[in-house]
Structures are given as structure tokens and as C-alpha cells.
């Protein structure tokens, strides 16, 4: 996973989703970054967030990426500016 923030300028963080755990009315997603710093980034997702995320996943272009991307994976593909 690659992360960028307007607060970090052009810095790109590389990390992996480490955990997704229920805590009360939230799902806590933990991302462990590895480069250029080692941080644990946490996001608390509520039901509204999950339905919003599901709506994004169900868009046709995103579904095509999920379905067909499994057959066309590159080790470290070039990523456009996002």
C-alpha cells in the first residue's frame, strides 16, 4: 500500500494493512508503514464509512481492477501521481 498526504508534501509512505479489529461501534484499521519511516497509522471506520467504501468498491472500474487484477499483477508497478 502506498500513502500520500498533503501534510507530507511529496513524501510517499509504503506500508501494509496489519489489522482490522472491532472496537465498540468502530472497525479499527491498522497500517504499518515501512518506508521512509516506521509508523503505525490507525483509522476508525464507522458504519457510514463502510457503506461509502463499499459503494466505491462496487463501481465497475474498481470491480474490474479487483477481478482482473489478480491475473495481471506486477511485482512493483510504476504508480502515477495521486
Protein backbone atom coordinates (compact mmCIF):
# COMPACT_ATOMS: atom_id res chain seq x y z
CA UNK A 1 0.00 0.00 0.00
CA UNK A 2 1.23 3.47 -0.80
CA UNK A 3 0.06 6.50 1.14
CA UNK A 4 0.42 10.19 0.46
CA UNK A 5 -0.70 13.17 2.49
CA UNK A 6 -0.94 16.85 1.70
CA UNK A 7 0.77 17.44 5.05
CA UNK A 8 3.84 15.43 3.98
CA UNK A 9 4.42 17.18 0.68
CA UNK A 10 5.68 14.78 -1.99
CA UNK A 11 6.69 12.13 0.53
CA UNK A 12 5.22 8.70 -0.18
CA UNK A 13 4.78 6.18 2.63
CA UNK A 14 4.91 2.47 1.89
CA UNK A 15 3.07 0.14 4.25
CA UNK A 16 0.82 -2.85 4.73
CA UNK A 17 -2.58 -3.32 6.34
CA UNK A 18 -1.71 -5.06 9.57
CA UNK A 19 -5.04 -5.48 11.34
CA UNK A 20 -8.76 -4.79 11.26
CA UNK A 21 -10.44 -5.12 14.64
CA UNK A 22 -13.83 -4.21 16.04
CA UNK A 23 -13.74 -1.78 18.95
CA UNK A 24 -17.17 -0.72 20.13
CA UNK A 25 -19.04 0.85 17.20
CA UNK A 26 -15.93 1.10 15.03
CA UNK A 27 -13.60 -1.08 12.99
CA UNK A 28 -10.02 -0.04 13.66
CA UNK A 29 -7.76 -0.48 10.63
CA UNK A 30 -4.04 -0.51 11.41
CA UNK A 31 -1.47 0.19 8.69
CA UNK A 32 2.22 -0.38 9.45
CA UNK A 33 4.39 1.87 7.30
CA UNK A 34 7.91 0.70 6.48
CA UNK A 35 9.45 3.40 4.27
CA UNK A 36 10.65 6.10 4.75
CA UNK A 37 9.56 5.89 8.41
CA UNK A 38 8.10 3.16 10.59
CA UNK A 39 4.75 4.38 11.83
CA UNK A 40 1.51 2.69 12.86
CA UNK A 41 -1.34 4.58 11.22
CA UNK A 42 -4.82 3.87 12.57
CA UNK A 43 -8.22 4.72 11.14
CA UNK A 44 -11.53 4.25 12.96
CA UNK A 45 -14.26 3.28 10.47
CA UNK A 46 -17.95 3.56 11.37
CA UNK A 47 -20.93 2.07 9.51
CA UNK A 48 -21.32 5.13 7.30
CA UNK A 49 -17.65 4.88 6.28
CA UNK A 50 -18.04 1.17 5.45
CA UNK A 51 -21.07 1.76 3.23
CA UNK A 52 -19.25 4.60 1.49
CA UNK A 53 -16.24 2.33 0.95
CA UNK A 54 -18.48 -0.46 -0.32
CA UNK A 55 -20.06 1.96 -2.79
CA UNK A 56 -16.60 2.83 -4.14
CA UNK A 57 -15.63 -0.86 -4.40
CA UNK A 58 -18.80 -1.69 -6.33
CA UNK A 59 -18.07 0.84 -9.08
CA UNK A 60 -17.49 -1.02 -12.34
CA UNK A 61 -13.91 0.20 -12.93
CA UNK A 62 -12.92 -0.78 -9.40
CA UNK A 63 -14.60 -4.19 -9.70
CA UNK A 64 -12.72 -4.81 -12.96
CA UNK A 65 -9.46 -3.96 -11.19
CA UNK A 66 -10.24 -6.36 -8.33
CA UNK A 67 -11.40 -9.23 -10.56
CA UNK A 68 -8.91 -9.00 -13.42
CA UNK A 69 -6.01 -7.53 -11.45
CA UNK A 70 -5.40 -10.89 -9.82
CA UNK A 71 -4.30 -12.21 -13.23
CA UNK A 72 -2.18 -9.19 -14.18
CA UNK A 73 -0.04 -8.42 -11.14
CA UNK A 74 3.36 -6.78 -11.46
CA UNK A 75 5.94 -7.02 -8.69
CA UNK A 76 6.42 -3.27 -8.21
CA UNK A 77 4.39 -1.35 -10.80
CA UNK A 78 5.05 2.29 -11.58
CA UNK A 79 2.46 4.45 -9.82
CA UNK A 80 1.14 7.72 -11.21
CA UNK A 81 0.97 10.83 -9.05
CA UNK A 82 -2.15 10.67 -6.89
